Amino acid sequence: MARSDVIRQLKAAPAADGESQLYAEQRSLHVFEPIAVELIKHTMRTCSTTGGRRAHGKYTCYVIVAWIMLGCCLGAMITCGVIIVKPIHETNSLAFKGTTCTTTAANLTGEDIDCKCGKDCHSEYPCLRMTVSYADEDGTTYSGVLFESDKRLMHDGHRDEDVQCVTAPCDRSRRDNKDQVLEFQDTYNVGESYTCLYNPDNTEQVLLKRLFTWNDMFHSMLWSTLGFVFFSALLVYSIIKCRSERAKMCTIPVASPGAQTARPGHFLPPPYPGGQTAYPQPPPYSVIDSKDEKGLTFN
């Protein structure tokens, strides 16, 4: 309800016997002013300046952008943690040392391993287990189980021998998966030598290649973490500034009843909206005895 609507309703109060309509309007405003002030306070909000609205809108945009980028950075941290950091951490692949491996055995175990090739897509591939021999830095010869990458080691290194698969192609076509396994067997067949990585702490673990290096892990977590911290700070700052601008922008232009001065027995109603001339002051009155019992007589 606008201020003008409140004043219009208060002015509609009927005049009592012996008083003018103007004074009746002012008397109604005087009686109901506390109620009107509270009503206006709860229903009337005006924006102070165009600049305030622009500032509020700017910081609101900052909040939205910060939320979006914060979610992206958080998603990047989780993705990098699962894809890069987890295999490195669980297999300790950064500690693996390079050497030359020679295949000593490459056999299909007879197990077909189920895998997921996409949304609502399941496939399978035959399990190929390979063992190799290698020499460490001291020249000591060891034998170990070969895995294509640290991800394969993390997945199958702790499992039984018949499911320790060196490679795991997972296309929709089972025939294509089998062809890729046989091609891998032909490439690293018995007697073939190639570079590999071995685990000094567990000589039975051998990798054909390391998927990610220390630099990959460092940079993947560094930039996503810095982005998360930066946009978290931007979000907090934008929320604080947005609330501050809203507090400055939204005001209640209702004067306190004590802000205006009036002679005893008089009430000065607020001016009409739009800067028009205020109500004229009524003449002073006094209460006298009267036989016609009309109550109020104006001098």
Protein backbone atom coordinates (compact mmCIF):
# COMPACT_ATOMS: atom_id res chain seq x y z
CA MET A 1 0.00 0.00 0.00
CA ALA A 2 1.44 3.38 -1.02
CA ARG A 3 1.66 6.43 1.25
CA SER A 4 -0.92 8.29 -0.80
CA ASP A 5 -3.42 5.41 -0.39
CA VAL A 6 -2.97 5.49 3.39
CA ILE A 7 -3.49 9.26 3.53
CA ARG A 8 -6.54 9.01 1.24
CA GLN A 9 -8.17 6.45 3.52
CA LEU A 10 -7.45 8.50 6.63
CA LYS A 11 -8.91 11.63 5.02
CA ALA A 12 -12.11 9.74 4.28
CA ALA A 13 -13.07 9.70 7.97
CA PRO A 14 -16.42 11.49 8.50
CA ALA A 15 -16.46 14.84 10.28
CA ALA A 16 -18.09 15.05 13.69
CA ASP A 17 -20.81 17.57 14.48
CA GLY A 18 -19.44 21.05 14.82
CA GLU A 19 -16.06 20.58 13.12
CA SER A 20 -14.87 21.29 9.63
CA GLN A 21 -14.05 18.56 7.11
CA LEU A 22 -10.41 19.73 6.99
CA TYR A 23 -10.05 19.41 10.74
CA ALA A 24 -11.73 15.99 10.63
CA GLU A 25 -9.11 14.86 8.13
CA GLN A 26 -6.32 16.12 10.37
CA ARG A 27 -7.90 14.57 13.44
CA SER A 28 -8.11 11.21 11.67
CA LEU A 29 -4.46 11.46 10.67
CA HIS A 30 -3.52 12.28 14.26
CA VAL A 31 -5.43 9.33 15.67
CA PHE A 32 -4.28 6.76 13.14
CA GLU A 33 -0.80 8.05 12.43
CA PRO A 34 1.06 5.35 14.46
CA ILE A 35 -0.84 2.66 12.57
CA ALA A 36 -0.18 4.36 9.24
CA VAL A 37 3.52 4.69 9.96
CA GLU A 38 3.86 0.99 10.76
CA LEU A 39 1.83 0.06 7.68
CA ILE A 40 4.00 2.20 5.44
CA LYS A 41 7.18 0.81 7.00
CA HIS A 42 6.15 -2.74 6.14
CA THR A 43 4.72 -2.10 2.69
CA MET A 44 6.68 0.79 1.19
CA ARG A 45 10.28 0.41 0.01
CA THR A 46 11.87 2.73 -2.49
CA CYS A 47 15.28 2.53 -4.13
CA SER A 48 17.35 5.58 -3.36
CA THR A 49 19.47 6.03 -6.49
CA THR A 50 20.07 4.51 -9.88
CA GLY A 51 23.72 4.09 -8.93
CA GLY A 52 22.70 2.00 -5.93
CA ARG A 53 20.61 -0.28 -8.12
CA ARG A 54 23.49 -0.70 -10.53
CA ALA A 55 25.93 -1.52 -7.74
CA HIS A 56 23.50 -4.03 -6.27
CA GLY A 57 23.02 -5.66 -9.67
CA LYS A 58 26.79 -5.78 -10.25
CA TYR A 59 27.49 -7.60 -7.00
CA THR A 60 24.56 -9.93 -7.63
CA CYS A 61 26.20 -10.92 -10.91
CA TYR A 62 29.46 -11.46 -9.04
CA VAL A 63 27.68 -13.82 -6.65
CA ILE A 64 26.20 -15.85 -9.51
CA VAL A 65 29.50 -16.05 -11.39
CA ALA A 66 31.37 -16.97 -8.20
CA TRP A 67 28.90 -19.79 -7.46
CA ILE A 68 29.25 -21.19 -10.99
CA MET A 69 33.05 -21.03 -11.02
CA LEU A 70 33.21 -22.40 -7.48
CA GLY A 71 31.24 -25.43 -8.62
CA CYS A 72 33.51 -25.86 -11.65
CA CYS A 73 36.65 -25.71 -9.50
CA LEU A 74 35.20 -28.17 -7.02
CA GLY A 75 34.28 -30.52 -9.85
CA ALA A 76 37.80 -30.18 -11.29
CA MET A 77 39.34 -31.00 -7.90
CA ILE A 78 37.20 -34.13 -7.53
CA THR A 79 37.85 -35.25 -11.12
CA CYS A 80 41.61 -34.74 -10.87
CA GLY A 81 41.65 -36.45 -7.51
CA VAL A 82 39.91 -39.56 -8.83
CA ILE A 83 41.63 -39.81 -12.22
CA ILE A 84 45.16 -38.60 -11.41
CA VAL A 85 45.88 -38.50 -7.70
CA LYS A 86 44.15 -41.71 -6.60
CA PRO A 87 46.11 -44.13 -8.87
CA ILE A 88 49.40 -42.41 -8.01
CA HIS A 89 48.66 -42.48 -4.30
CA GLU A 90 47.41 -46.07 -4.08
CA THR A 91 50.12 -47.63 -6.27
CA ASN A 92 52.95 -45.27 -5.30
CA SER A 93 53.82 -45.26 -9.01
CA LEU A 94 56.03 -42.16 -8.68
CA ALA A 95 58.52 -44.32 -6.78
CA PHE A 96 58.75 -46.89 -9.58
CA LYS A 97 62.12 -47.06 -11.32
CA GLY A 98 62.88 -47.70 -14.95
CA THR A 99 64.46 -50.87 -16.27
CA THR A 100 64.26 -53.32 -19.19
CA CYS A 101 61.73 -56.13 -19.08
CA THR A 102 61.53 -59.38 -21.01
CA THR A 103 58.26 -61.27 -21.32
CA THR A 104 58.45 -64.76 -19.86
CA ALA A 105 54.78 -65.76 -20.14
CA ALA A 106 51.66 -64.38 -21.85
CA ASN A 107 48.52 -66.46 -21.49
CA LEU A 108 44.78 -65.95 -21.67
CA THR A 109 43.37 -67.04 -18.32
CA GLY A 110 40.00 -68.06 -19.77
CA GLU A 111 38.14 -65.40 -17.77
CA ASP A 112 35.92 -62.90 -19.55
CA ILE A 113 35.84 -59.67 -17.54
CA ASP A 114 32.69 -57.55 -17.55
CA CYS A 115 33.15 -53.83 -18.10
CA LYS A 116 31.02 -50.75 -18.63
CA CYS A 117 31.51 -49.10 -22.02
CA GLY A 118 29.16 -46.14 -21.48
CA LYS A 119 25.68 -45.22 -20.36
CA ASP A 120 23.48 -48.32 -20.51
CA CYS A 121 26.36 -50.14 -22.22
CA HIS A 122 28.06 -53.28 -20.93
CA SER A 123 30.74 -55.31 -22.60
CA GLU A 124 33.50 -57.80 -21.76
CA TYR A 125 37.08 -58.65 -22.72
CA PRO A 126 39.28 -61.73 -22.29
CA CYS A 127 41.86 -61.53 -19.50
CA LEU A 128 45.49 -61.69 -20.56
CA ARG A 129 48.07 -62.26 -17.81
CA MET A 130 51.73 -61.59 -18.49
CA THR A 131 54.84 -62.16 -16.40
CA VAL A 132 58.22 -60.56 -17.04
CA SER A 133 61.78 -60.70 -15.78
CA TYR A 134 63.98 -57.66 -15.16
CA ALA A 135 67.12 -56.55 -13.36
CA ASP A 136 67.22 -53.79 -10.75
CA GLU A 137 69.90 -51.16 -10.29
CA ASP A 138 72.16 -53.65 -8.51
CA GLY A 139 71.84 -56.21 -11.32
CA THR A 140 69.64 -58.57 -9.33
CA THR A 141 67.08 -60.38 -11.50
CA TYR A 142 63.43 -60.41 -10.46
CA SER A 143 60.19 -61.70 -11.87
CA GLY A 144 56.93 -59.81 -11.72
CA VAL A 145 53.43 -59.41 -13.15
CA LEU A 146 53.10 -56.81 -15.91
CA PHE A 147 50.32 -54.21 -15.98
CA GLU A 148 49.77 -51.75 -18.76
CA SER A 149 49.53 -48.73 -16.43
CA ASP A 150 49.27 -47.73 -12.78
CA LYS A 151 45.50 -47.58 -13.22
CA ARG A 152 45.46 -51.28 -14.17
CA LEU A 153 47.71 -52.07 -11.24
CA MET A 154 45.38 -50.26 -8.86
CA HIS A 155 42.39 -52.14 -10.25
CA ASP A 156 43.74 -55.70 -10.60
CA GLY A 157 47.05 -55.84 -8.73
CA HIS A 158 45.51 -57.21 -5.53
CA ARG A 159 43.22 -59.75 -7.24
CA ASP A 160 43.67 -63.45 -7.97
CA GLU A 161 46.05 -64.54 -10.72
CA ASP A 162 43.34 -65.48 -13.22
CA VAL A 163 41.97 -61.92 -13.18
CA GLN A 164 45.24 -59.99 -13.11
CA CYS A 165 44.71 -58.58 -16.59
CA VAL A 166 47.56 -56.67 -18.21
CA THR A 167 45.20 -54.62 -20.41
CA ALA A 168 41.48 -53.90 -20.35
CA PRO A 169 39.95 -52.67 -23.64
CA CYS A 170 36.23 -51.99 -23.25
CA ASP A 171 34.47 -51.16 -26.49
CA ARG A 172 30.87 -51.94 -27.24
CA SER A 173 31.90 -54.81 -29.50
CA ARG A 174 33.26 -57.83 -27.63
CA ARG A 175 35.01 -58.92 -30.82
CA ASP A 176 36.94 -55.66 -30.99
CA ASN A 177 37.97 -56.07 -27.37
CA LYS A 178 39.31 -59.55 -28.04
CA ASP A 179 41.21 -58.35 -31.10
CA GLN A 180 42.89 -55.60 -29.06
CA VAL A 181 43.93 -58.09 -26.37
CA LEU A 182 45.45 -60.44 -28.98
CA GLU A 183 47.24 -57.54 -30.64
CA PHE A 184 48.73 -56.56 -27.28
CA GLN A 185 49.88 -60.15 -26.78
CA ASP A 186 51.56 -60.19 -30.18
CA THR A 187 53.32 -56.88 -29.49
CA TYR A 188 54.76 -57.98 -26.12
CA ASN A 189 55.02 -61.70 -26.78
CA VAL A 190 57.32 -64.12 -25.01
CA GLY A 191 60.96 -63.18 -25.53
CA GLU A 192 60.25 -59.54 -26.41
CA SER A 193 62.23 -56.88 -24.48
CA TYR A 194 61.04 -53.33 -23.78
CA THR A 195 61.38 -50.59 -21.21
CA CYS A 196 59.25 -50.86 -18.09
CA LEU A 197 58.94 -49.66 -14.48
CA TYR A 198 59.25 -51.76 -11.36
CA ASN A 199 58.34 -51.14 -7.73
CA PRO A 200 61.42 -51.31 -5.44
CA ASP A 201 59.15 -51.95 -2.45
CA ASN A 202 57.28 -54.77 -4.20
CA THR A 203 59.32 -56.39 -6.95
CA GLU A 204 56.32 -58.34 -8.29
CA GLN A 205 54.64 -55.12 -9.49
CA VAL A 206 55.76 -54.02 -12.95
CA LEU A 207 54.30 -51.26 -15.15
CA LEU A 208 54.57 -50.87 -18.88
CA LYS A 209 54.05 -47.10 -18.53
CA ARG A 210 53.12 -44.51 -15.95
CA LEU A 211 49.98 -42.58 -16.86
CA PHE A 212 50.75 -39.43 -14.87
CA THR A 213 53.87 -37.79 -13.54
CA TRP A 214 54.46 -35.74 -10.42
CA ASN A 215 54.05 -32.53 -12.44
CA ASP A 216 50.68 -33.73 -13.73
CA MET A 217 49.46 -34.35 -10.20
CA PHE A 218 50.89 -31.09 -8.86
CA HIS A 219 49.45 -28.81 -11.53
CA SER A 220 46.07 -30.55 -11.65
CA MET A 221 45.53 -29.98 -7.95
CA LEU A 222 47.31 -26.62 -7.71
CA TRP A 223 45.21 -24.65 -10.19
CA SER A 224 41.89 -26.18 -9.23
CA THR A 225 42.62 -25.50 -5.55
CA LEU A 226 43.72 -21.92 -6.22
CA GLY A 227 40.59 -21.37 -8.28
CA PHE A 228 38.44 -22.79 -5.48
CA VAL A 229 40.06 -20.49 -2.89
CA PHE A 230 39.84 -17.41 -5.14
CA PHE A 231 36.19 -17.86 -6.06
CA SER A 232 35.30 -18.71 -2.46
CA ALA A 233 36.78 -15.37 -1.38
CA LEU A 234 35.00 -13.61 -4.26
CA LEU A 235 31.70 -15.20 -3.25
CA VAL A 236 32.02 -14.09 0.39
CA TYR A 237 33.08 -10.58 -0.64
CA SER A 238 30.23 -10.26 -3.17
CA ILE A 239 27.61 -11.41 -0.66
CA ILE A 240 28.82 -8.89 1.92
CA LYS A 241 28.88 -6.05 -0.64
CA CYS A 242 25.50 -7.06 -2.04
CA ARG A 243 23.89 -6.89 1.39
CA SER A 244 25.61 -3.60 2.08
CA GLU A 245 24.36 -2.06 -1.16
CA ARG A 246 20.86 -3.37 -0.51
CA ALA A 247 20.86 -1.76 2.93
CA LYS A 248 21.96 1.55 1.40
CA MET A 249 19.59 1.30 -1.52
CA CYS A 250 16.36 0.42 0.27
CA THR A 251 15.04 3.11 2.60
CA ILE A 252 11.74 3.95 4.29
CA PRO A 253 11.00 7.65 3.75
CA VAL A 254 8.59 8.03 6.68
CA ALA A 255 9.22 10.90 9.07
CA SER A 256 8.97 10.41 12.78
CA PRO A 257 5.86 11.97 14.36
CA GLY A 258 8.14 14.08 16.55
CA ALA A 259 10.05 15.51 13.60
CA GLN A 260 7.44 18.24 12.99
CA THR A 261 6.43 20.83 15.53
CA ALA A 262 2.90 21.89 16.19
CA ARG A 263 1.08 24.03 18.64
CA PRO A 264 -0.64 22.27 21.55
CA GLY A 265 -3.81 20.58 20.39
CA HIS A 266 -2.79 20.59 16.73
CA PHE A 267 -1.42 17.89 14.43
CA LEU A 268 0.51 18.66 11.29
CA PRO A 269 -0.21 15.90 8.73
CA PRO A 270 2.53 14.99 6.27
CA PRO A 271 2.50 16.68 2.87
CA TYR A 272 0.88 15.13 -0.15
CA PRO A 273 3.16 12.83 -2.23
CA GLY A 274 5.06 14.55 -5.01
CA GLY A 275 6.25 17.54 -3.04
CA GLN A 276 2.86 19.36 -3.06
CA THR A 277 1.88 21.96 -0.48
CA ALA A 278 1.27 20.61 3.01
CA TYR A 279 -2.11 20.68 4.72
CA PRO A 280 -2.98 24.10 6.20
CA GLN A 281 -2.99 24.35 9.96
CA PRO A 282 -6.43 24.48 11.57
CA PRO A 283 -7.34 27.38 13.84
CA PRO A 284 -6.99 26.89 17.58
CA TYR A 285 -10.02 25.64 19.43
CA SER A 286 -11.25 25.51 22.99
CA VAL A 287 -13.85 23.55 24.85
CA ILE A 288 -16.62 25.60 26.44
CA ASP A 289 -19.94 24.89 27.99
CA SER A 290 -22.81 25.17 25.55
CA LYS A 291 -26.47 24.64 25.95
CA ASP A 292 -26.82 23.08 22.52
CA GLU A 293 -24.28 20.43 23.71
CA LYS A 294 -22.39 20.41 20.43
CA GLY A 295 -19.14 20.14 22.37
CA LEU A 296 -16.56 22.09 20.36
CA THR A 297 -16.66 25.79 19.53
CA PHE A 298 -14.03 27.53 17.37
CA ASN A 299 -12.82 31.05 18.23
